[in-house]
C-alpha atoms as a PDB file:
ATOM      1  CA  MET A   1       7.295  11.002  19.742  1.00  0.00           C
ATOM      2  CA  ASP A   2       8.275   8.471  17.737  1.00  0.00           C
ATOM      3  CA  ALA A   3      10.874   5.722  19.263  1.00  0.00           C
ATOM      4  CA  PRO A   4      14.014   5.358  17.326  1.00  0.00           C
ATOM      5  CA  ASN A   5      13.381   2.399  15.570  1.00  0.00           C
ATOM      6  CA  LYS A   6       8.845   3.133  15.389  1.00  0.00           C
ATOM      7  CA  ILE A   7       7.328   6.160  13.623  1.00  0.00           C
ATOM      8  CA  VAL A   8       3.394   6.557  14.189  1.00  0.00           C
ATOM      9  CA  LEU A   9       1.614   8.411  11.228  1.00  0.00           C
ATOM     10  CA  ARG A  10      -1.760   9.144  11.427  1.00  0.00           C
ATOM     11  CA  GLY A  11      -4.025   9.342   8.219  1.00  0.00           C
ATOM     12  CA  ARG A  12      -8.063   8.964   7.477  1.00  0.00           C
ATOM     13  CA  LYS A  13      -9.763   5.642   6.875  1.00  0.00           C
ATOM     14  CA  VAL A  14     -10.643   4.825   3.242  1.00  0.00           C
ATOM     15  CA  VAL A  15     -11.643   1.114   4.599  1.00  0.00           C
ATOM     16  CA  GLY A  16     -11.948  -0.359   7.720  1.00  0.00           C
ATOM     17  CA  GLY A  17      -9.799  -2.965   9.689  1.00  0.00           C
ATOM     18  CA  VAL A  18      -6.899  -3.461  10.620  1.00  0.00           C
ATOM     19  CA  ALA A  19      -3.093  -5.558   9.015  1.00  0.00           C
ATOM     20  CA  GLU A  20      -0.087  -5.617   9.478  1.00  0.00           C
ATOM     21  CA  GLY A  21       3.223  -6.715   7.060  1.00  0.00           C
ATOM     22  CA  GLU A  22       5.866  -5.872   5.579  1.00  0.00           C
ATOM     23  CA  ALA A  23       5.777  -2.635   3.419  1.00  0.00           C
ATOM     24  CA  ILE A  24       6.120  -2.328  -0.248  1.00  0.00           C
ATOM     25  CA  VAL A  25       7.036   1.260  -1.258  1.00  0.00           C
ATOM     26  CA  THR A  26       6.825   2.755  -4.349  1.00  0.00           C
ATOM     27  CA  LYS A  27       7.250   6.675  -5.149  1.00  0.00           C
ATOM     28  CA  ASP A  28       5.724   5.155  -8.848  1.00  0.00           C
ATOM     29  CA  THR A  29       1.629   5.463  -8.975  1.00  0.00           C
ATOM     30  CA  VAL A  30       0.512   2.068  -9.739  1.00  0.00           C
ATOM     31  CA  SER A  31      -1.900   1.139 -13.015  1.00  0.00           C
ATOM     32  CA  GLY A  32      -4.730  -1.639 -12.060  1.00  0.00           C
ATOM     33  CA  TRP A  33      -5.242  -2.566 -16.142  1.00  0.00           C
ATOM     34  CA  GLY A  34      -1.848  -3.528 -17.677  1.00  0.00           C
ATOM     35  CA  GLY A  35       0.121  -2.719 -14.923  1.00  0.00           C
ATOM     36  CA  ILE A  36      -0.126  -5.708 -12.355  1.00  0.00           C
ATOM     37  CA  ASP A  37      -0.798  -9.484 -12.641  1.00  0.00           C
ATOM     38  CA  SER A  38      -3.842 -10.211 -10.950  1.00  0.00           C
ATOM     39  CA  THR A  39      -2.713 -13.516 -10.418  1.00  0.00           C
ATOM     40  CA  THR A  40      -0.015 -12.952  -8.493  1.00  0.00           C
ATOM     41  CA  GLY A  41       0.390  -9.013  -7.324  1.00  0.00           C
ATOM     42  CA  THR A  42       2.935  -8.776  -9.573  1.00  0.00           C
ATOM     43  CA  ILE A  43       3.526  -5.385 -10.950  1.00  0.00           C
ATOM     44  CA  ILE A  44       3.946  -5.974 -14.565  1.00  0.00           C
ATOM     45  CA  GLU A  45       4.159  -2.521 -15.757  1.00  0.00           C
ATOM     46  CA  ARG A  46       8.008  -2.182 -17.770  1.00  0.00           C
ATOM     47  CA  ARG A  47       8.923   1.427 -16.931  1.00  0.00           C
ATOM     48  CA  HIS A  48       7.192   0.868 -13.151  1.00  0.00           C
ATOM     49  CA  GLU A  49      10.263   0.413 -10.451  1.00  0.00           C
ATOM     50  CA  LEU A  50       8.711  -2.427  -9.030  1.00  0.00           C
ATOM     51  CA  VAL A  51       8.592  -4.487 -12.390  1.00  0.00           C
ATOM     52  CA  GLY A  52       8.597  -7.661 -11.051  1.00  0.00           C
ATOM     53  CA  GLN A  53       7.787  -7.321  -8.051  1.00  0.00           C
ATOM     54  CA  SER A  54       4.851  -8.455  -6.040  1.00  0.00           C
ATOM     55  CA  PHE A  55       2.333  -6.301  -3.410  1.00  0.00           C
ATOM     56  CA  LYS A  56       0.937  -9.673  -2.086  1.00  0.00           C
ATOM     57  CA  ASP A  57       0.473  -9.900   1.430  1.00  0.00           C
ATOM     58  CA  LYS A  58       2.383  -7.218   1.763  1.00  0.00           C
ATOM     59  CA  VAL A  59       1.332  -3.114   2.889  1.00  0.00           C
ATOM     60  CA  LEU A  60       1.469  -1.185  -0.569  1.00  0.00           C
ATOM     61  CA  VAL A  61       2.482   2.395   0.071  1.00  0.00           C
ATOM     62  CA  PHE A  62       1.880   4.178  -3.178  1.00  0.00           C
ATOM     63  CA  PRO A  63       1.621   7.669  -4.578  1.00  0.00           C
ATOM     64  CA  GLY A  64      -2.235   6.594  -5.479  1.00  0.00           C
ATOM     65  CA  ALA A  65      -3.552   4.774  -9.256  1.00  0.00           C
ATOM     66  CA  LYS A  66      -3.600   5.945 -13.039  1.00  0.00           C
ATOM     67  CA  GLY A  67      -4.901   4.382 -16.030  1.00  0.00           C
ATOM     68  CA  SER A  68      -8.281   3.437 -16.975  1.00  0.00           C
ATOM     69  CA  SER A  69     -11.333   2.780 -14.691  1.00  0.00           C
ATOM     70  CA  GLY A  70     -10.747  -0.532 -15.407  1.00  0.00           C
ATOM     71  CA  TYR A  71      -7.661  -0.529 -12.297  1.00  0.00           C
ATOM     72  CA  SER A  72     -11.064  -1.546  -9.131  1.00  0.00           C
ATOM     73  CA  HIS A  73     -11.411  -4.809 -11.380  1.00  0.00           C
ATOM     74  CA  PHE A  74      -7.625  -5.953 -11.675  1.00  0.00           C
ATOM     75  CA  PHE A  75      -7.378  -5.080  -7.746  1.00  0.00           C
ATOM     76  CA  HIS A  76     -10.399  -6.797  -7.029  1.00  0.00           C
ATOM     77  CA  LEU A  77      -9.439 -10.034  -9.074  1.00  0.00           C
ATOM     78  CA  ALA A  78      -6.131  -9.620  -7.234  1.00  0.00           C
ATOM     79  CA  ARG A  79      -8.503 -10.402  -4.093  1.00  0.00           C
ATOM     80  CA  VAL A  80      -9.796 -13.333  -5.410  1.00  0.00           C
ATOM     81  CA  TYR A  81      -7.103 -14.791  -6.974  1.00  0.00           C
ATOM     82  CA  GLY A  82      -5.599 -14.435  -3.572  1.00  0.00           C
ATOM     83  CA  ALA A  83      -2.922 -12.191  -4.229  1.00  0.00           C
ATOM     84  CA  ALA A  84      -3.895  -8.599  -3.174  1.00  0.00           C
ATOM     85  CA  PRO A  85      -1.792  -6.570   0.030  1.00  0.00           C
ATOM     86  CA  LYS A  86      -2.672  -6.629   3.136  1.00  0.00           C
ATOM     87  CA  ALA A  87      -3.087  -2.214   3.798  1.00  0.00           C
ATOM     88  CA  GLN A  88      -3.336   0.245   1.404  1.00  0.00           C
ATOM     89  CA  LEU A  89      -1.589   3.691   2.045  1.00  0.00           C
ATOM     90  CA  PHE A  90      -1.919   5.992  -0.476  1.00  0.00           C
ATOM     91  CA  ASN A  91      -1.568  10.219  -0.890  1.00  0.00           C
ATOM     92  CA  LYS A  92      -3.592  11.054  -3.682  1.00  0.00           C
ATOM     93  CA  MET A  93      -7.222   9.962  -3.280  1.00  0.00           C
ATOM     94  CA  THR A  94      -9.280   9.758  -6.396  1.00  0.00           C
ATOM     95  CA  THR A  95     -12.693   7.575  -7.451  1.00  0.00           C
ATOM     96  CA  LYS A  96     -10.313   5.334  -9.611  1.00  0.00           C
ATOM     97  CA  VAL A  97      -8.148   4.147  -5.480  1.00  0.00           C
ATOM     98  CA  ALA A  98     -11.218   4.502  -3.517  1.00  0.00           C
ATOM     99  CA  LEU A  99     -13.121   1.963  -5.724  1.00  0.00           C
ATOM    100  CA  GLY A 100      -9.958  -0.045  -5.785  1.00  0.00           C
ATOM    101  CA  ALA A 101      -9.523  -0.050  -1.339  1.00  0.00           C
ATOM    102  CA  VAL A 102     -12.908  -0.941  -1.276  1.00  0.00           C
ATOM    103  CA  VAL A 103     -12.882  -3.930  -3.908  1.00  0.00           C
ATOM    104  CA  THR A 104      -9.451  -5.073  -2.651  1.00  0.00           C
ATOM    105  CA  ARG A 105     -11.660  -5.286   1.089  1.00  0.00           C
ATOM    106  CA  VAL A 106      -7.686  -4.594   2.997  1.00  0.00           C
ATOM    107  CA  PRO A 107      -7.423  -1.676   5.532  1.00  0.00           C
ATOM    108  CA  ALA A 108      -6.510   1.911   3.453  1.00  0.00           C
ATOM    109  CA  MET A 109      -5.904   4.851   4.752  1.00  0.00           C
ATOM    110  CA  THR A 110      -4.859   8.709   3.019  1.00  0.00           C
ATOM    111  CA  ASP A 111      -4.413  12.006   4.209  1.00  0.00           C
ATOM    112  CA  PHE A 112      -1.762  10.883   6.655  1.00  0.00           C
ATOM    113  CA  ASP A 113       0.337  13.974   8.478  1.00  0.00           C
ATOM    114  CA  ARG A 114       3.105  13.099   7.638  1.00  0.00           C
ATOM    115  CA  ASP A 115       4.202  11.407   4.112  1.00  0.00           C
ATOM    116  CA  PRO A 116       4.474   7.813   4.349  1.00  0.00           C
ATOM    117  CA  LEU A 117       6.496   7.808   1.036  1.00  0.00           C
ATOM    118  CA  GLU A 118       9.080   9.537   2.990  1.00  0.00           C
ATOM    119  CA  MET A 119       8.390   7.975   6.569  1.00  0.00           C
ATOM    120  CA  ILE A 120       7.969   4.001   5.469  1.00  0.00           C
ATOM    121  CA  GLU A 121      10.789   2.179   3.180  1.00  0.00           C
ATOM    122  CA  THR A 122      10.434  -1.072   1.796  1.00  0.00           C
ATOM    123  CA  GLY A 123      11.025  -3.857   4.139  1.00  0.00           C
ATOM    124  CA  ASP A 124       9.501  -2.187   7.141  1.00  0.00           C
ATOM    125  CA  TRP A 125       6.633  -3.420   9.678  1.00  0.00           C
ATOM    126  CA  VAL A 126       3.764  -1.679   9.104  1.00  0.00           C
ATOM    127  CA  LYS A 127       0.618  -1.929  11.187  1.00  0.00           C
ATOM    128  CA  VAL A 128      -2.579  -0.549   9.595  1.00  0.00           C
ATOM    129  CA  ASP A 129      -4.795   0.563  11.612  1.00  0.00           C
ATOM    130  CA  ALA A 130      -7.642   2.584   9.779  1.00  0.00           C
ATOM    131  CA  ASP A 131     -10.477   2.184  12.169  1.00  0.00           C
ATOM    132  CA  ARG A 132      -8.400   4.553  14.211  1.00  0.00           C
ATOM    133  CA  GLY A 133      -6.161   5.755  11.847  1.00  0.00           C
ATOM    134  CA  VAL A 134      -3.181   4.874  13.029  1.00  0.00           C
ATOM    135  CA  VAL A 135      -0.571   3.394  10.996  1.00  0.00           C
ATOM    136  CA  GLU A 136       2.596   1.712  13.506  1.00  0.00           C
ATOM    137  CA  VAL A 137       6.069   1.303  11.377  1.00  0.00           C
ATOM    138  CA  THR A 138       8.764  -0.568  12.577  1.00  0.00           C
ATOM    139  CA  LYS A 139      12.241   0.291  10.943  1.00  0.00           C
ATOM    140  CA  ARG A 140      13.807  -2.200   9.662  1.00  0.00           C
ATOM    141  CA  ALA A 141      17.601  -3.076  10.651  1.00  0.00           C
ATOM    142  CA  ARG A 142      19.415  -1.622   7.963  1.00  0.00           C
ATOM    143  CA  GLY A 143      23.408  -2.339   7.874  1.00  0.00           C
ATOM    144  CA  GLY A 144      23.643  -3.478  11.605  1.00  0.00           C
ATOM    145  CA  ARG A 145      22.076  -0.386  12.870  1.00  0.00           C
ATOM    146  CA  GLN A 146      18.478   0.019  13.573  1.00  0.00           C
END
Protein backbone atom coordinates (compact mmCIF):
# COMPACT_ATOMS: atom_id res chain seq x y z
CA MET A 1 0.00 0.00 0.00
CA ASP A 2 1.25 3.48 -0.85
CA ALA A 3 2.13 5.94 1.93
CA PRO A 4 0.23 9.28 1.76
CA ASN A 5 2.97 11.05 -0.20
CA LYS A 6 4.56 7.95 -1.82
CA ILE A 7 3.49 5.87 -4.80
CA VAL A 8 5.12 2.68 -6.02
CA LEU A 9 4.73 1.58 -9.63
CA ARG A 10 5.89 -1.70 -11.09
CA GLY A 11 6.87 -2.12 -14.70
CA ARG A 12 9.18 -3.76 -17.20
CA LYS A 13 12.83 -2.88 -17.69
CA VAL A 14 13.86 -1.60 -21.11
CA VAL A 15 17.31 -0.37 -20.04
CA GLY A 16 18.69 -1.36 -16.65
CA GLY A 17 20.07 0.82 -13.93
CA VAL A 18 19.02 3.04 -11.05
CA ALA A 19 18.52 6.81 -11.16
CA GLU A 20 16.48 9.42 -9.38
CA GLY A 21 15.47 12.99 -9.92
CA GLU A 22 12.68 15.45 -10.42
CA ALA A 23 9.99 14.37 -12.87
CA ILE A 24 9.05 16.21 -16.02
CA VAL A 25 5.77 14.84 -17.35
CA THR A 26 3.99 15.24 -20.66
CA LYS A 27 0.95 13.57 -22.17
CA ASP A 28 2.29 14.53 -25.62
CA THR A 29 4.53 12.14 -27.50
CA VAL A 30 8.09 13.39 -27.99
CA SER A 31 9.77 13.88 -31.35
CA GLY A 32 13.54 13.55 -31.51
CA TRP A 33 14.22 15.02 -34.93
CA GLY A 34 12.95 18.60 -34.89
CA GLY A 35 11.32 18.19 -31.49
CA ILE A 36 14.27 18.53 -29.12
CA ASP A 37 17.45 20.57 -28.89
CA SER A 38 20.02 17.86 -28.19
CA THR A 39 22.55 20.32 -26.78
CA THR A 40 20.24 21.47 -23.96
CA GLY A 41 17.56 18.76 -23.70
CA THR A 42 14.93 21.42 -24.42
CA ILE A 43 11.65 20.60 -26.16
CA ILE A 44 11.53 22.87 -29.22
CA GLU A 45 8.47 21.48 -31.02
CA ARG A 46 6.23 24.55 -31.24
CA ARG A 47 2.94 22.80 -30.48
CA HIS A 48 4.24 20.59 -27.66
CA GLU A 49 2.92 21.28 -24.15
CA LEU A 50 6.51 21.39 -22.80
CA VAL A 51 7.93 23.72 -25.44
CA GLY A 52 10.83 25.66 -23.93
CA GLN A 53 11.32 23.23 -21.01
CA SER A 54 14.33 20.92 -20.62
CA PHE A 55 14.40 17.26 -19.58
CA LYS A 56 18.13 17.48 -18.80
CA ASP A 57 18.88 15.71 -15.51
CA LYS A 58 15.18 14.96 -14.93
CA VAL A 59 13.10 11.79 -15.13
CA LEU A 60 11.18 12.08 -18.40
CA VAL A 61 7.67 10.62 -18.17
CA PHE A 62 5.91 10.50 -21.54
CA PRO A 63 3.58 8.33 -23.64
CA GLY A 64 6.19 7.44 -26.28
CA ALA A 65 8.01 8.60 -29.39
CA LYS A 66 6.82 10.09 -32.64
CA GLY A 67 8.42 11.14 -35.86
CA SER A 68 11.14 9.58 -37.96
CA SER A 69 13.74 6.98 -37.18
CA GLY A 70 16.10 9.92 -36.49
CA TYR A 71 14.49 10.02 -33.01
CA SER A 72 17.19 7.85 -31.44
CA HIS A 73 20.02 9.88 -32.99
CA PHE A 74 18.85 13.06 -31.27
CA PHE A 75 18.54 11.32 -27.90
CA HIS A 76 22.02 9.85 -28.43
CA LEU A 77 23.31 13.38 -29.07
CA ALA A 78 21.59 14.61 -25.90
CA ARG A 79 23.64 12.02 -23.97
CA VAL A 80 26.84 13.08 -25.75
CA TYR A 81 26.17 16.75 -24.92
CA GLY A 82 25.30 15.97 -21.30
CA ALA A 83 21.68 16.99 -21.79
CA ALA A 84 19.96 13.59 -21.45
CA PRO A 85 17.25 12.81 -18.94
CA LYS A 86 18.29 10.78 -15.86
CA ALA A 87 15.67 8.12 -16.68
CA GLN A 88 12.78 7.53 -19.06
CA LEU A 89 9.33 6.15 -18.25
CA PHE A 90 6.95 5.62 -21.15
CA ASN A 91 3.70 3.84 -21.96
CA LYS A 92 3.90 2.82 -25.60
CA MET A 93 6.81 0.59 -26.56
CA THR A 94 7.96 1.04 -30.15
CA THR A 95 11.28 0.33 -31.82
CA LYS A 96 11.82 4.10 -31.99
CA VAL A 97 11.48 4.74 -28.26
CA ALA A 98 13.31 1.52 -27.33
CA LEU A 99 16.34 2.40 -29.46
CA GLY A 100 16.23 5.96 -28.11
CA ALA A 101 16.31 4.59 -24.56
CA VAL A 102 19.23 2.27 -25.35
CA VAL A 103 21.41 4.96 -26.95
CA THR A 104 20.59 7.43 -24.17
CA ARG A 105 22.02 4.87 -21.69
CA VAL A 106 19.74 5.78 -18.82
CA PRO A 107 17.33 3.54 -16.91
CA ALA A 108 14.11 3.13 -18.88
CA MET A 109 10.86 1.31 -18.15
CA THR A 110 7.46 0.58 -19.68
CA ASP A 111 4.40 -1.72 -19.18
CA PHE A 112 3.41 -0.36 -15.77
CA ASP A 113 0.78 -1.71 -13.38
CA ARG A 114 -0.65 1.83 -13.22
CA ASP A 115 -0.42 4.64 -15.74
CA PRO A 116 2.60 6.81 -14.81
CA LEU A 117 1.03 9.73 -16.68
CA GLU A 118 -1.83 9.63 -14.17
CA MET A 119 0.29 8.95 -11.08
CA ILE A 120 3.33 11.22 -11.58
CA GLU A 121 3.30 15.01 -11.90
CA THR A 122 6.03 17.40 -12.94
CA GLY A 123 8.04 18.25 -9.85
CA ASP A 124 7.52 14.92 -8.07
CA TRP A 125 10.72 13.13 -6.98
CA VAL A 126 11.09 9.81 -8.79
CA LYS A 127 13.48 6.94 -8.11
CA VAL A 128 13.70 4.46 -10.98
CA ASP A 129 15.14 1.02 -10.28
CA ALA A 130 14.73 -0.56 -13.69
CA ASP A 131 16.67 -3.66 -12.63
CA ARG A 132 14.00 -4.45 -10.03
CA GLY A 133 11.14 -3.07 -12.14
CA VAL A 134 10.18 -0.54 -9.46
CA VAL A 135 9.48 3.19 -9.58
CA GLU A 136 9.10 5.06 -6.28
CA VAL A 137 7.38 8.43 -6.49
CA THR A 138 7.46 11.00 -3.71
CA LYS A 139 4.76 13.56 -4.32
CA ARG A 140 5.93 17.16 -4.04
CA ALA A 141 4.20 19.43 -1.56
CA ARG A 142 1.39 21.36 -3.22
CA GLY A 143 -0.25 24.35 -1.58
CA GLY A 144 1.36 23.67 1.77
CA ARG A 145 0.11 20.06 1.92
CA GLN A 146 1.60 16.76 0.84
